[in-house]
Amino acid sequence: MLRHEFQPGRLVAGLFLTATAAVYAGDAGGLWDAPWFAVVPLVVGGLCLAGATAVLTRGIRRRGGTEGAEGGQR
C-alpha cells in the first residue's frame, strides 16, 4: 500500500534544486568558482522541465483512468 501518489514533476524539481545547492556548496568549499547568476538557468530550467513533466504525467494518468492510487476513495 502506497502512502502517497508518485509525482515525477516534484522529483524533477527536487533534482534540479539539489543540483543548484551542490553548485553553491562546491563554490563555498572552494572546489570551483560559480558566478552568482548561475542559479537562474538551473532553477528556471528545472521548474519548466518539472512543469512539463507534471503536465505529461497528468495527461497519461487521465487517459489511463487512474486518477489516484486509491481509486478515488478517501
Protein backbone atom coordinates (compact mmCIF):
# COMPACT_ATOMS: atom_id res chain seq x y z
CA MET A 1 0.00 0.00 0.00
CA LEU A 2 1.44 3.35 -1.05
CA ARG A 3 1.41 6.24 1.39
CA HIS A 4 1.17 8.81 -1.38
CA GLU A 5 0.95 9.08 -5.11
CA PHE A 6 4.24 9.22 -7.04
CA GLN A 7 4.68 12.63 -8.67
CA PRO A 8 7.54 12.76 -11.19
CA GLY A 9 7.28 16.54 -11.59
CA ARG A 10 8.22 17.06 -7.98
CA LEU A 11 11.10 14.62 -8.37
CA VAL A 12 12.49 16.59 -11.31
CA ALA A 13 12.14 19.88 -9.42
CA GLY A 14 13.89 18.40 -6.40
CA LEU A 15 16.76 17.09 -8.52
CA PHE A 16 17.38 20.48 -10.12
CA LEU A 17 17.18 22.32 -6.79
CA THR A 18 19.60 19.80 -5.28
CA ALA A 19 21.95 20.35 -8.22
CA THR A 20 21.77 24.10 -7.59
CA ALA A 21 22.64 23.54 -3.94
CA ALA A 22 25.57 21.32 -4.96
CA VAL A 23 26.91 24.05 -7.27
CA TYR A 24 26.85 26.61 -4.48
CA ALA A 25 28.25 24.14 -1.94
CA GLY A 26 31.16 23.49 -4.28
CA ASP A 27 31.66 27.21 -4.64
CA ALA A 28 31.60 27.72 -0.87
CA GLY A 29 34.02 24.84 -0.37
CA GLY A 30 36.50 26.29 -2.86
CA LEU A 31 36.24 23.47 -5.42
CA TRP A 32 35.26 25.87 -8.22
CA ASP A 33 34.09 29.43 -8.76
CA ALA A 34 30.39 29.70 -9.62
CA PRO A 35 29.01 33.12 -10.62
CA TRP A 36 26.08 34.46 -8.63
CA PHE A 37 23.73 34.27 -11.64
CA ALA A 38 24.29 30.53 -12.19
CA VAL A 39 21.18 29.84 -10.14
CA VAL A 40 18.84 31.41 -12.71
CA PRO A 41 19.14 28.86 -15.55
CA LEU A 42 19.28 25.93 -13.13
CA VAL A 43 16.18 26.87 -11.17
CA VAL A 44 14.10 28.27 -14.04
CA GLY A 45 15.03 25.43 -16.39
CA GLY A 46 14.35 22.86 -13.69
CA LEU A 47 10.96 24.32 -12.83
CA CYS A 48 9.96 24.48 -16.51
CA LEU A 49 11.02 20.87 -17.02
CA ALA A 50 9.18 19.86 -13.84
CA GLY A 51 6.03 21.60 -15.06
CA ALA A 52 6.22 19.85 -18.41
CA THR A 53 6.75 16.52 -16.64
CA ALA A 54 3.73 17.15 -14.40
CA VAL A 55 1.51 18.03 -17.37
CA LEU A 56 2.65 14.93 -19.24
CA THR A 57 2.07 12.74 -16.18
CA ARG A 58 -1.41 14.15 -15.65
CA GLY A 59 -2.29 13.52 -19.29
CA ILE A 60 -1.10 9.94 -19.11
CA ARG A 61 -2.99 9.28 -15.87
CA ARG A 62 -6.23 10.83 -17.14
CA ARG A 63 -6.07 8.78 -20.33
CA GLY A 64 -5.34 5.59 -18.38
CA GLY A 65 -8.19 6.16 -15.95
CA THR A 66 -6.05 6.02 -12.80
CA GLU A 67 -6.50 9.40 -11.15
CA GLY A 68 -5.35 8.32 -7.70
CA ALA A 69 -3.61 5.40 -6.04
CA GLU A 70 -6.74 4.62 -4.00
CA GLY A 71 -9.19 4.65 -6.89
CA GLY A 72 -10.82 7.94 -5.91
CA GLN A 73 -11.82 6.89 -2.37
CA ARG A 74 -10.83 8.98 0.64
